[in-house]
Amino acid sequence: MFFTDSLNKALTLLTALMLTTTFRMVLHLPEINLLWITFTILTAAMLFDVPDYKRRFIFALVMSVYAAAAQFLTGITWQTPFLRIVFQGLFAYFTLMTLPDRQGSSIVLLTGYLACFAPGGTMPALYRCIDFGISVFFILLATSLNSVIRINPTGKTFFTTPCPAAEALVITAELTAGAICSQLFKFSQAPWIMMTIMFIQMSANTRHPVRELAPQRIFAIPAGILLGGLYLGTFCRLDYRFVYLLPFTGTAAFFVYYCTDNYFLLSLLFMFSITLSTDWLLGTYQRYHFTDIMLGRSFATLAGALLSVAGELFLKRKTAV
């Protein structure tokens, strides 16, 4: 049953990905909204374990509102770095305190920081809000299609207890410090500092604390980018259709993670897939800068991981006192 649940959960993620990308291609929309796609697939996989349709709808709706607000604040402050840091920090604390699920909060805040790569301005941010409203439908559709073959659902519930105030404050401080570093260094992959913190928080728990996950991510990210570069320079150069296998590679990464809790392999395969899929979805195959991505994202991952570990150690020391 554990194998079946893991497989169905991974298939839910793949279904959500196929539904969202097909929707945009069929309607010939001008750009691929990676914020919307990322939020939809991660939320669909997270809500797969909720058997009740009404509860899934409520959870998806609440998270879509939060995610839309997160990216909107990032979009309207694109010309004022100080306000962006302040607004993102305040919203992060608000989310952690009012959206009582670590994984859900991490997905929302990850979406907000991913918006740093999206076009800035009020109108683009408003248009993206519409996408997040549509995402509720695709989340419900993806989870419903795969729940038909689900055996003995676990009945897992979310939104049960809020994040403790001290922990929320420490995570907010980590994100704020990361945002300040991203503004000081101003390199192209700087938002990955905050995104790394959220990726680690998304998987952290009592069995796998932050200090265990952070080193795995530090080494997995450059390894994944290196494998992606080799794949792009060999198979994809011989035949561009090899790019079409990347969504399935990403799905396999999550399947292995659900089965084994192997965070290193998840980070490696996910980075391998997302690094190339991002350029493929955006149509920037000819502008793929391997060196910039390797050095910038590796440095950002190192900074984000160190901030995460420092925050956990500080919180642990305060708790002990």
C-alpha atoms as a PDB file:
ATOM      1  CA  MET A   1       0.000   0.000   0.000  1.00  0.00           C
ATOM      2  CA  PHE A   2       2.874   2.365   0.772  1.00  0.00           C
ATOM      3  CA  PHE A   3       4.289   1.796  -2.729  1.00  0.00           C
ATOM      4  CA  THR A   4       0.856   2.390  -4.273  1.00  0.00           C
ATOM      5  CA  ASP A   5       0.290   5.608  -2.330  1.00  0.00           C
ATOM      6  CA  SER A   6       3.734   6.904  -3.310  1.00  0.00           C
ATOM      7  CA  LEU A   7       3.105   6.072  -6.959  1.00  0.00           C
ATOM      8  CA  ASN A   8      -0.333   7.704  -6.963  1.00  0.00           C
ATOM      9  CA  LYS A   9       1.011  10.798  -5.246  1.00  0.00           C
ATOM     10  CA  ALA A  10       3.763  11.145  -7.845  1.00  0.00           C
ATOM     11  CA  LEU A  11       1.214  10.598 -10.621  1.00  0.00           C
ATOM     12  CA  THR A  12      -0.921  13.355  -9.122  1.00  0.00           C
ATOM     13  CA  LEU A  13       2.021  15.721  -9.445  1.00  0.00           C
ATOM     14  CA  LEU A  14       2.596  14.663 -13.061  1.00  0.00           C
ATOM     15  CA  THR A  15      -1.126  14.975 -13.852  1.00  0.00           C
ATOM     16  CA  ALA A  16      -1.220  18.522 -12.468  1.00  0.00           C
ATOM     17  CA  LEU A  17       1.851  19.413 -14.539  1.00  0.00           C
ATOM     18  CA  MET A  18       0.334  18.039 -17.752  1.00  0.00           C
ATOM     19  CA  LEU A  19      -3.024  19.709 -17.142  1.00  0.00           C
ATOM     20  CA  THR A  20      -1.565  23.161 -16.485  1.00  0.00           C
ATOM     21  CA  THR A  21       0.918  23.164 -19.357  1.00  0.00           C
ATOM     22  CA  THR A  22      -1.646  21.755 -21.798  1.00  0.00           C
ATOM     23  CA  PHE A  23      -4.149  24.395 -20.721  1.00  0.00           C
ATOM     24  CA  ARG A  24      -1.742  27.226 -21.530  1.00  0.00           C
ATOM     25  CA  MET A  25      -0.640  25.707 -24.828  1.00  0.00           C
ATOM     26  CA  VAL A  26      -4.184  25.009 -26.039  1.00  0.00           C
ATOM     27  CA  LEU A  27      -5.229  28.592 -25.305  1.00  0.00           C
ATOM     28  CA  HIS A  28      -2.001  29.936 -26.855  1.00  0.00           C
ATOM     29  CA  LEU A  29      -1.283  32.084 -23.823  1.00  0.00           C
ATOM     30  CA  PRO A  30       1.693  34.409 -24.338  1.00  0.00           C
ATOM     31  CA  GLU A  31       3.912  33.026 -21.573  1.00  0.00           C
ATOM     32  CA  ILE A  32       4.283  30.034 -19.317  1.00  0.00           C
ATOM     33  CA  ASN A  33       3.569  31.067 -15.719  1.00  0.00           C
ATOM     34  CA  LEU A  34       6.077  28.970 -13.798  1.00  0.00           C
ATOM     35  CA  LEU A  35       4.831  30.349 -10.487  1.00  0.00           C
ATOM     36  CA  TRP A  36       1.368  29.034 -11.193  1.00  0.00           C
ATOM     37  CA  ILE A  37       2.594  25.663 -12.460  1.00  0.00           C
ATOM     38  CA  THR A  38       4.977  25.147  -9.537  1.00  0.00           C
ATOM     39  CA  PHE A  39       2.321  26.074  -6.986  1.00  0.00           C
ATOM     40  CA  THR A  40      -0.287  23.845  -8.637  1.00  0.00           C
ATOM     41  CA  ILE A  41       1.810  20.682  -8.836  1.00  0.00           C
ATOM     42  CA  LEU A  42       3.254  20.975  -5.317  1.00  0.00           C
ATOM     43  CA  THR A  43      -0.132  21.732  -3.776  1.00  0.00           C
ATOM     44  CA  ALA A  44      -1.801  18.893  -5.670  1.00  0.00           C
ATOM     45  CA  ALA A  45       0.794  16.426  -4.397  1.00  0.00           C
ATOM     46  CA  MET A  46       0.405  17.774  -0.870  1.00  0.00           C
ATOM     47  CA  LEU A  47      -3.408  17.535  -0.863  1.00  0.00           C
ATOM     48  CA  PHE A  48      -3.522  14.070  -2.405  1.00  0.00           C
ATOM     49  CA  ASP A  49      -3.781  12.500   1.060  1.00  0.00           C
ATOM     50  CA  VAL A  50      -6.914  14.505   1.942  1.00  0.00           C
ATOM     51  CA  PRO A  51      -9.798  12.152   1.019  1.00  0.00           C
ATOM     52  CA  ASP A  52     -12.659  14.579   1.484  1.00  0.00           C
ATOM     53  CA  TYR A  53     -13.392  16.639  -1.657  1.00  0.00           C
ATOM     54  CA  LYS A  54     -14.790  19.602   0.273  1.00  0.00           C
ATOM     55  CA  ARG A  55     -11.737  19.839   2.523  1.00  0.00           C
ATOM     56  CA  ARG A  56      -9.432  19.637  -0.479  1.00  0.00           C
ATOM     57  CA  PHE A  57     -11.336  22.487  -2.089  1.00  0.00           C
ATOM     58  CA  ILE A  58     -11.071  24.661   1.029  1.00  0.00           C
ATOM     59  CA  PHE A  59      -7.371  23.933   1.449  1.00  0.00           C
ATOM     60  CA  ALA A  60      -6.635  24.606  -2.227  1.00  0.00           C
ATOM     61  CA  LEU A  61      -8.650  27.834  -2.206  1.00  0.00           C
ATOM     62  CA  VAL A  62      -6.975  29.185   0.932  1.00  0.00           C
ATOM     63  CA  MET A  63      -3.495  28.364  -0.327  1.00  0.00           C
ATOM     64  CA  SER A  64      -4.179  29.900  -3.746  1.00  0.00           C
ATOM     65  CA  VAL A  65      -5.248  33.169  -2.101  1.00  0.00           C
ATOM     66  CA  TYR A  66      -2.096  33.221   0.011  1.00  0.00           C
ATOM     67  CA  ALA A  67       0.130  32.379  -2.969  1.00  0.00           C
ATOM     68  CA  ALA A  68      -1.514  35.049  -5.135  1.00  0.00           C
ATOM     69  CA  ALA A  69      -0.947  37.619  -2.394  1.00  0.00           C
ATOM     70  CA  ALA A  70       2.683  36.543  -1.956  1.00  0.00           C
ATOM     71  CA  GLN A  71       3.565  36.961  -5.627  1.00  0.00           C
ATOM     72  CA  PHE A  72       1.549  40.200  -5.839  1.00  0.00           C
ATOM     73  CA  LEU A  73       3.587  41.810  -3.050  1.00  0.00           C
ATOM     74  CA  THR A  74       6.760  40.732  -4.810  1.00  0.00           C
ATOM     75  CA  GLY A  75       5.530  42.065  -8.148  1.00  0.00           C
ATOM     76  CA  ILE A  76       4.475  45.545  -6.985  1.00  0.00           C
ATOM     77  CA  THR A  77       7.751  46.176  -5.109  1.00  0.00           C
ATOM     78  CA  TRP A  78      10.127  45.223  -7.920  1.00  0.00           C
ATOM     79  CA  GLN A  79      11.517  48.794  -8.168  1.00  0.00           C
ATOM     80  CA  THR A  80      11.874  49.333  -4.407  1.00  0.00           C
ATOM     81  CA  PRO A  81      14.181  46.673  -2.911  1.00  0.00           C
ATOM     82  CA  PHE A  82      13.764  47.934   0.665  1.00  0.00           C
ATOM     83  CA  LEU A  83       9.971  47.679   0.522  1.00  0.00           C
ATOM     84  CA  ARG A  84      10.245  44.252  -1.108  1.00  0.00           C
ATOM     85  CA  ILE A  85      12.357  42.973   1.793  1.00  0.00           C
ATOM     86  CA  VAL A  86       9.987  44.472   4.376  1.00  0.00           C
ATOM     87  CA  PHE A  87       6.761  43.305   2.709  1.00  0.00           C
ATOM     88  CA  GLN A  88       8.092  39.809   2.022  1.00  0.00           C
ATOM     89  CA  GLY A  89       9.305  39.480   5.606  1.00  0.00           C
ATOM     90  CA  LEU A  90       6.017  40.649   7.111  1.00  0.00           C
ATOM     91  CA  PHE A  91       3.997  38.408   4.822  1.00  0.00           C
ATOM     92  CA  ALA A  92       6.244  35.443   5.625  1.00  0.00           C
ATOM     93  CA  TYR A  93       5.589  35.888   9.352  1.00  0.00           C
ATOM     94  CA  PHE A  94       1.872  36.358   8.704  1.00  0.00           C
ATOM     95  CA  THR A  95       1.742  33.190   6.582  1.00  0.00           C
ATOM     96  CA  LEU A  96       3.641  31.076   9.087  1.00  0.00           C
ATOM     97  CA  MET A  97       1.382  32.232  11.911  1.00  0.00           C
ATOM     98  CA  THR A  98      -1.981  31.979  10.132  1.00  0.00           C
ATOM     99  CA  LEU A  99      -1.501  29.083   7.691  1.00  0.00           C
ATOM    100  CA  PRO A 100      -0.886  26.281  10.182  1.00  0.00           C
ATOM    101  CA  ASP A 101       0.960  23.749   8.073  1.00  0.00           C
ATOM    102  CA  ARG A 102       4.717  23.809   7.479  1.00  0.00           C
ATOM    103  CA  GLN A 103       4.541  22.304   4.006  1.00  0.00           C
ATOM    104  CA  GLY A 104       1.670  24.546   2.927  1.00  0.00           C
ATOM    105  CA  SER A 105       3.385  27.673   4.242  1.00  0.00           C
ATOM    106  CA  SER A 106       6.609  26.669   2.499  1.00  0.00           C
ATOM    107  CA  ILE A 107       4.833  26.220  -0.844  1.00  0.00           C
ATOM    108  CA  VAL A 108       3.146  29.627  -0.524  1.00  0.00           C
ATOM    109  CA  LEU A 109       6.350  31.459   0.404  1.00  0.00           C
ATOM    110  CA  LEU A 110       8.341  29.570  -2.230  1.00  0.00           C
ATOM    111  CA  THR A 111       5.858  30.843  -4.813  1.00  0.00           C
ATOM    112  CA  GLY A 112       6.281  34.381  -3.532  1.00  0.00           C
ATOM    113  CA  TYR A 113      10.058  34.314  -3.842  1.00  0.00           C
ATOM    114  CA  LEU A 114       9.887  32.564  -7.214  1.00  0.00           C
ATOM    115  CA  ALA A 115       8.010  35.686  -8.373  1.00  0.00           C
ATOM    116  CA  CYS A 116      11.348  37.537  -8.206  1.00  0.00           C
ATOM    117  CA  PHE A 117      12.079  35.934 -11.602  1.00  0.00           C
ATOM    118  CA  ALA A 118       8.698  36.992 -13.063  1.00  0.00           C
ATOM    119  CA  PRO A 119       7.958  40.336 -14.765  1.00  0.00           C
ATOM    120  CA  GLY A 120       7.477  43.076 -12.170  1.00  0.00           C
ATOM    121  CA  GLY A 121       4.678  45.619 -11.985  1.00  0.00           C
ATOM    122  CA  THR A 122       1.116  45.852 -10.748  1.00  0.00           C
ATOM    123  CA  MET A 123      -0.690  44.642 -13.865  1.00  0.00           C
ATOM    124  CA  PRO A 124       1.469  41.523 -14.486  1.00  0.00           C
ATOM    125  CA  ALA A 125       1.040  40.585 -10.822  1.00  0.00           C
ATOM    126  CA  LEU A 126      -2.736  41.037 -11.091  1.00  0.00           C
ATOM    127  CA  TYR A 127      -2.903  38.843 -14.193  1.00  0.00           C
ATOM    128  CA  ARG A 128      -0.976  36.154 -12.344  1.00  0.00           C
ATOM    129  CA  CYS A 129      -3.563  36.319  -9.541  1.00  0.00           C
ATOM    130  CA  ILE A 130      -6.160  35.111 -12.047  1.00  0.00           C
ATOM    131  CA  ASP A 131      -3.961  32.092 -12.782  1.00  0.00           C
ATOM    132  CA  PHE A 132      -3.890  31.192  -9.108  1.00  0.00           C
ATOM    133  CA  GLY A 133      -7.673  31.242  -9.037  1.00  0.00           C
ATOM    134  CA  ILE A 134      -7.716  28.793 -11.948  1.00  0.00           C
ATOM    135  CA  SER A 135      -5.177  26.598 -10.150  1.00  0.00           C
ATOM    136  CA  VAL A 136      -7.844  25.505  -7.650  1.00  0.00           C
ATOM    137  CA  PHE A 137      -9.717  23.729 -10.454  1.00  0.00           C
ATOM    138  CA  PHE A 138      -6.608  21.905 -11.695  1.00  0.00           C
ATOM    139  CA  ILE A 139      -5.600  20.888  -8.159  1.00  0.00           C
ATOM    140  CA  LEU A 140      -9.011  19.351  -7.570  1.00  0.00           C
ATOM    141  CA  LEU A 141      -9.023  17.705 -11.000  1.00  0.00           C
ATOM    142  CA  ALA A 142      -5.544  16.194 -10.596  1.00  0.00           C
ATOM    143  CA  THR A 143      -6.237  14.866  -7.100  1.00  0.00           C
ATOM    144  CA  SER A 144      -9.644  13.531  -8.112  1.00  0.00           C
ATOM    145  CA  LEU A 145      -8.366  11.673 -11.180  1.00  0.00           C
ATOM    146  CA  ASN A 146      -5.719   9.840  -9.181  1.00  0.00           C
ATOM    147  CA  SER A 147      -7.823   9.314  -6.074  1.00  0.00           C
ATOM    148  CA  VAL A 148     -10.058   7.004  -8.147  1.00  0.00           C
ATOM    149  CA  ILE A 149      -7.336   4.354  -8.079  1.00  0.00           C
ATOM    150  CA  ARG A 150      -6.165   5.130  -4.555  1.00  0.00           C
ATOM    151  CA  ILE A 151      -6.391   2.223  -2.132  1.00  0.00           C
ATOM    152  CA  ASN A 152      -7.226   2.804   1.557  1.00  0.00           C
ATOM    153  CA  PRO A 153      -6.551   6.565   1.716  1.00  0.00           C
ATOM    154  CA  THR A 154      -4.639   7.638   4.793  1.00  0.00           C
ATOM    155  CA  GLY A 155      -7.043  10.444   5.604  1.00  0.00           C
ATOM    156  CA  LYS A 156      -4.215  12.812   6.416  1.00  0.00           C
ATOM    157  CA  THR A 157      -5.349  16.219   7.619  1.00  0.00           C
ATOM    158  CA  PHE A 158      -3.713  19.589   7.298  1.00  0.00           C
ATOM    159  CA  PHE A 159      -4.095  22.978   8.930  1.00  0.00           C
ATOM    160  CA  THR A 160      -4.240  21.553  12.438  1.00  0.00           C
ATOM    161  CA  THR A 161      -1.744  23.545  14.534  1.00  0.00           C
ATOM    162  CA  PRO A 162      -0.081  26.866  13.678  1.00  0.00           C
ATOM    163  CA  CYS A 163       3.668  27.387  13.561  1.00  0.00           C
ATOM    164  CA  PRO A 164       4.970  28.434  17.016  1.00  0.00           C
ATOM    165  CA  ALA A 165       5.634  32.157  17.250  1.00  0.00           C
ATOM    166  CA  ALA A 166       9.330  31.698  18.036  1.00  0.00           C
ATOM    167  CA  GLU A 167       9.852  29.347  15.085  1.00  0.00           C
ATOM    168  CA  ALA A 168       7.923  31.643  12.746  1.00  0.00           C
ATOM    169  CA  LEU A 169      10.065  34.575  13.852  1.00  0.00           C
ATOM    170  CA  VAL A 170      13.311  32.645  13.289  1.00  0.00           C
ATOM    171  CA  ILE A 171      12.256  31.482   9.808  1.00  0.00           C
ATOM    172  CA  THR A 172      11.220  35.054   8.965  1.00  0.00           C
ATOM    173  CA  ALA A 173      14.634  36.276  10.128  1.00  0.00           C
ATOM    174  CA  GLU A 174      16.324  33.675   7.906  1.00  0.00           C
ATOM    175  CA  LEU A 175      14.304  34.811   4.892  1.00  0.00           C
ATOM    176  CA  THR A 176      14.941  38.491   5.633  1.00  0.00           C
ATOM    177  CA  ALA A 177      18.674  37.903   5.990  1.00  0.00           C
ATOM    178  CA  GLY A 178      18.617  35.986   2.712  1.00  0.00           C
ATOM    179  CA  ALA A 179      16.714  38.803   1.000  1.00  0.00           C
ATOM    180  CA  ILE A 180      19.252  41.356   2.247  1.00  0.00           C
ATOM    181  CA  CYS A 181      22.113  39.199   0.944  1.00  0.00           C
ATOM    182  CA  SER A 182      20.379  38.871  -2.432  1.00  0.00           C
ATOM    183  CA  GLN A 183      20.142  42.659  -2.704  1.00  0.00           C
ATOM    184  CA  LEU A 184      23.743  43.198  -1.626  1.00  0.00           C
ATOM    185  CA  PHE A 185      25.293  40.678  -4.013  1.00  0.00           C
ATOM    186  CA  LYS A 186      22.785  41.202  -6.859  1.00  0.00           C
ATOM    187  CA  PHE A 187      23.592  38.099  -8.893  1.00  0.00           C
ATOM    188  CA  SER A 188      21.068  36.486 -11.210  1.00  0.00           C
ATOM    189  CA  GLN A 189      20.303  33.475  -8.986  1.00  0.00           C
ATOM    190  CA  ALA A 190      20.054  35.458  -5.715  1.00  0.00           C
ATOM    191  CA  PRO A 191      16.353  34.609  -5.016  1.00  0.00           C
ATOM    192  CA  TRP A 192      17.432  30.984  -4.682  1.00  0.00           C
ATOM    193  CA  ILE A 193      18.789  31.889  -1.247  1.00  0.00           C
ATOM    194  CA  MET A 194      15.251  32.315   0.090  1.00  0.00           C
ATOM    195  CA  MET A 195      13.899  29.509  -2.080  1.00  0.00           C
ATOM    196  CA  THR A 196      16.503  27.137  -0.627  1.00  0.00           C
ATOM    197  CA  ILE A 197      15.319  27.989   2.884  1.00  0.00           C
ATOM    198  CA  MET A 198      11.750  27.173   1.867  1.00  0.00           C
ATOM    199  CA  PHE A 199      12.687  23.959   0.051  1.00  0.00           C
ATOM    200  CA  ILE A 200      14.463  22.739   3.189  1.00  0.00           C
ATOM    201  CA  GLN A 201      11.597  23.793   5.468  1.00  0.00           C
ATOM    202  CA  MET A 202       9.163  21.966   3.188  1.00  0.00           C
ATOM    203  CA  SER A 203      10.830  18.620   3.930  1.00  0.00           C
ATOM    204  CA  ALA A 204      12.112  19.203   7.473  1.00  0.00           C
ATOM    205  CA  ASN A 205      10.525  17.251  10.309  1.00  0.00           C
ATOM    206  CA  THR A 206      11.484  15.596  13.589  1.00  0.00           C
ATOM    207  CA  ARG A 207      13.044  12.598  11.805  1.00  0.00           C
ATOM    208  CA  HIS A 208      14.898  14.737   9.262  1.00  0.00           C
ATOM    209  CA  PRO A 209      15.884  18.065  10.853  1.00  0.00           C
ATOM    210  CA  VAL A 210      17.226  21.025   8.914  1.00  0.00           C
ATOM    211  CA  ARG A 211      20.846  20.316   9.869  1.00  0.00           C
ATOM    212  CA  GLU A 212      20.532  16.893   8.200  1.00  0.00           C
ATOM    213  CA  LEU A 213      18.858  18.138   5.005  1.00  0.00           C
ATOM    214  CA  ALA A 214      21.013  21.233   4.434  1.00  0.00           C
ATOM    215  CA  PRO A 215      24.310  19.426   3.640  1.00  0.00           C
ATOM    216  CA  GLN A 216      22.502  17.070   1.274  1.00  0.00           C
ATOM    217  CA  ARG A 217      21.052  19.997  -0.648  1.00  0.00           C
ATOM    218  CA  ILE A 218      24.406  21.829  -0.788  1.00  0.00           C
ATOM    219  CA  PHE A 219      25.991  18.920  -2.681  1.00  0.00           C
ATOM    220  CA  ALA A 220      22.918  17.774  -4.613  1.00  0.00           C
ATOM    221  CA  ILE A 221      22.215  21.102  -6.346  1.00  0.00           C
ATOM    222  CA  PRO A 222      25.534  21.494  -8.237  1.00  0.00           C
ATOM    223  CA  ALA A 223      25.480  17.761  -9.021  1.00  0.00           C
ATOM    224  CA  GLY A 224      21.999  18.082 -10.509  1.00  0.00           C
ATOM    225  CA  ILE A 225      22.968  21.133 -12.548  1.00  0.00           C
ATOM    226  CA  LEU A 226      26.086  19.348 -13.820  1.00  0.00           C
ATOM    227  CA  LEU A 227      24.067  16.308 -14.893  1.00  0.00           C
ATOM    228  CA  GLY A 228      21.556  18.637 -16.533  1.00  0.00           C
ATOM    229  CA  GLY A 229      24.301  20.366 -18.477  1.00  0.00           C
ATOM    230  CA  LEU A 230      25.707  17.035 -19.641  1.00  0.00           C
ATOM    231  CA  TYR A 231      22.233  15.879 -20.676  1.00  0.00           C
ATOM    232  CA  LEU A 232      21.639  19.115 -22.579  1.00  0.00           C
ATOM    233  CA  GLY A 233      25.011  18.953 -24.311  1.00  0.00           C
ATOM    234  CA  THR A 234      24.670  15.317 -25.380  1.00  0.00           C
ATOM    235  CA  PHE A 235      21.184  13.813 -25.739  1.00  0.00           C
ATOM    236  CA  CYS A 236      19.283  17.081 -26.252  1.00  0.00           C
ATOM    237  CA  ARG A 237      21.804  18.300 -28.789  1.00  0.00           C
ATOM    238  CA  LEU A 238      21.444  15.084 -30.759  1.00  0.00           C
ATOM    239  CA  ASP A 239      17.639  15.220 -30.632  1.00  0.00           C
ATOM    240  CA  TYR A 240      15.647  17.998 -28.934  1.00  0.00           C
ATOM    241  CA  ARG A 241      12.830  15.548 -28.154  1.00  0.00           C
ATOM    242  CA  PHE A 242      14.877  14.151 -25.272  1.00  0.00           C
ATOM    243  CA  VAL A 243      13.773  17.278 -23.402  1.00  0.00           C
ATOM    244  CA  TYR A 244      10.285  15.808 -23.248  1.00  0.00           C
ATOM    245  CA  LEU A 245      11.530  13.191 -20.773  1.00  0.00           C
ATOM    246  CA  LEU A 246      12.364  15.793 -18.116  1.00  0.00           C
ATOM    247  CA  PRO A 247       8.868  16.020 -16.539  1.00  0.00           C
ATOM    248  CA  PHE A 248       8.950  12.268 -16.025  1.00  0.00           C
ATOM    249  CA  THR A 249      12.401  12.519 -14.452  1.00  0.00           C
ATOM    250  CA  GLY A 250      11.059  15.088 -11.993  1.00  0.00           C
ATOM    251  CA  THR A 251       8.102  12.851 -11.220  1.00  0.00           C
ATOM    252  CA  ALA A 252      10.448   9.918 -10.611  1.00  0.00           C
ATOM    253  CA  ALA A 253      12.419  12.083  -8.179  1.00  0.00           C
ATOM    254  CA  PHE A 254       9.337  12.704  -6.060  1.00  0.00           C
ATOM    255  CA  PHE A 255       8.295   9.055  -6.272  1.00  0.00           C
ATOM    256  CA  VAL A 256      11.675   7.922  -4.943  1.00  0.00           C
ATOM    257  CA  TYR A 257      11.462  10.538  -2.197  1.00  0.00           C
ATOM    258  CA  TYR A 258       7.980   9.440  -1.139  1.00  0.00           C
ATOM    259  CA  CYS A 259       9.199   5.835  -0.972  1.00  0.00           C
ATOM    260  CA  THR A 260      12.636   6.280   0.606  1.00  0.00           C
ATOM    261  CA  ASP A 261      12.833   9.785   2.146  1.00  0.00           C
ATOM    262  CA  ASN A 262      16.065  10.239   0.173  1.00  0.00           C
ATOM    263  CA  TYR A 263      16.318  14.050   0.139  1.00  0.00           C
ATOM    264  CA  PHE A 264      19.677  14.083  -1.666  1.00  0.00           C
ATOM    265  CA  LEU A 265      18.305  12.149  -4.630  1.00  0.00           C
ATOM    266  CA  LEU A 266      15.159  14.296  -4.700  1.00  0.00           C
ATOM    267  CA  SER A 267      17.201  17.510  -4.792  1.00  0.00           C
ATOM    268  CA  LEU A 268      19.568  16.152  -7.439  1.00  0.00           C
ATOM    269  CA  LEU A 269      16.915  14.851  -9.833  1.00  0.00           C
ATOM    270  CA  PHE A 270      14.584  17.781  -9.248  1.00  0.00           C
ATOM    271  CA  MET A 271      17.343  20.281 -10.008  1.00  0.00           C
ATOM    272  CA  PHE A 272      18.349  18.221 -13.052  1.00  0.00           C
ATOM    273  CA  SER A 273      14.769  18.461 -14.327  1.00  0.00           C
ATOM    274  CA  ILE A 274      13.830  21.994 -13.320  1.00  0.00           C
ATOM    275  CA  THR A 275      17.045  23.604 -14.576  1.00  0.00           C
ATOM    276  CA  LEU A 276      16.418  22.380 -18.110  1.00  0.00           C
ATOM    277  CA  SER A 277      12.612  22.358 -18.031  1.00  0.00           C
ATOM    278  CA  THR A 278      12.574  26.023 -17.036  1.00  0.00           C
ATOM    279  CA  ASP A 279      14.504  27.006 -20.142  1.00  0.00           C
ATOM    280  CA  TRP A 280      12.418  24.669 -22.259  1.00  0.00           C
ATOM    281  CA  LEU A 281       9.094  25.997 -20.980  1.00  0.00           C
ATOM    282  CA  LEU A 282      10.224  29.597 -21.349  1.00  0.00           C
ATOM    283  CA  GLY A 283      11.568  28.987 -24.837  1.00  0.00           C
ATOM    284  CA  THR A 284      15.074  30.179 -23.885  1.00  0.00           C
ATOM    285  CA  TYR A 285      16.967  27.068 -24.982  1.00  0.00           C
ATOM    286  CA  GLN A 286      19.462  29.152 -26.952  1.00  0.00           C
ATOM    287  CA  ARG A 287      20.125  31.411 -23.944  1.00  0.00           C
ATOM    288  CA  TYR A 288      21.043  28.675 -21.484  1.00  0.00           C
ATOM    289  CA  HIS A 289      23.977  29.989 -19.396  1.00  0.00           C
ATOM    290  CA  PHE A 290      25.424  26.931 -17.696  1.00  0.00           C
ATOM    291  CA  THR A 291      28.227  28.707 -15.819  1.00  0.00           C
ATOM    292  CA  ASP A 292      25.932  31.406 -14.477  1.00  0.00           C
ATOM    293  CA  ILE A 293      23.396  28.851 -13.272  1.00  0.00           C
ATOM    294  CA  MET A 294      26.021  26.528 -11.761  1.00  0.00           C
ATOM    295  CA  LEU A 295      27.974  29.150  -9.827  1.00  0.00           C
ATOM    296  CA  GLY A 296      25.060  31.413  -8.928  1.00  0.00           C
ATOM    297  CA  ARG A 297      22.642  28.714  -7.822  1.00  0.00           C
ATOM    298  CA  SER A 298      25.309  26.759  -5.938  1.00  0.00           C
ATOM    299  CA  PHE A 299      26.345  29.867  -4.004  1.00  0.00           C
ATOM    300  CA  ALA A 300      22.714  30.753  -3.291  1.00  0.00           C
ATOM    301  CA  THR A 301      22.045  27.208  -2.092  1.00  0.00           C
ATOM    302  CA  LEU A 302      25.060  27.338   0.219  1.00  0.00           C
ATOM    303  CA  ALA A 303      23.944  30.665   1.679  1.00  0.00           C
ATOM    304  CA  GLY A 304      20.347  29.525   2.135  1.00  0.00           C
ATOM    305  CA  ALA A 305      21.403  26.230   3.733  1.00  0.00           C
ATOM    306  CA  LEU A 306      23.752  27.976   6.173  1.00  0.00           C
ATOM    307  CA  LEU A 307      21.019  30.419   7.178  1.00  0.00           C
ATOM    308  CA  SER A 308      18.618  27.507   7.723  1.00  0.00           C
ATOM    309  CA  VAL A 309      21.067  25.647   9.948  1.00  0.00           C
ATOM    310  CA  ALA A 310      21.924  28.814  11.876  1.00  0.00           C
ATOM    311  CA  GLY A 311      18.226  29.456  12.482  1.00  0.00           C
ATOM    312  CA  GLU A 312      17.608  25.910  13.709  1.00  0.00           C
ATOM    313  CA  LEU A 313      20.613  26.022  16.061  1.00  0.00           C
ATOM    314  CA  PHE A 314      19.494  29.373  17.448  1.00  0.00           C
ATOM    315  CA  LEU A 315      15.964  28.099  18.005  1.00  0.00           C
ATOM    316  CA  LYS A 316      17.261  24.920  19.638  1.00  0.00           C
ATOM    317  CA  ARG A 317      19.470  26.934  21.998  1.00  0.00           C
ATOM    318  CA  LYS A 318      16.624  29.268  22.948  1.00  0.00           C
ATOM    319  CA  THR A 319      14.352  26.281  23.592  1.00  0.00           C
ATOM    320  CA  ALA A 320      16.979  24.630  25.799  1.00  0.00           C
ATOM    321  CA  VAL A 321      17.324  27.791  27.865  1.00  0.00           C
END
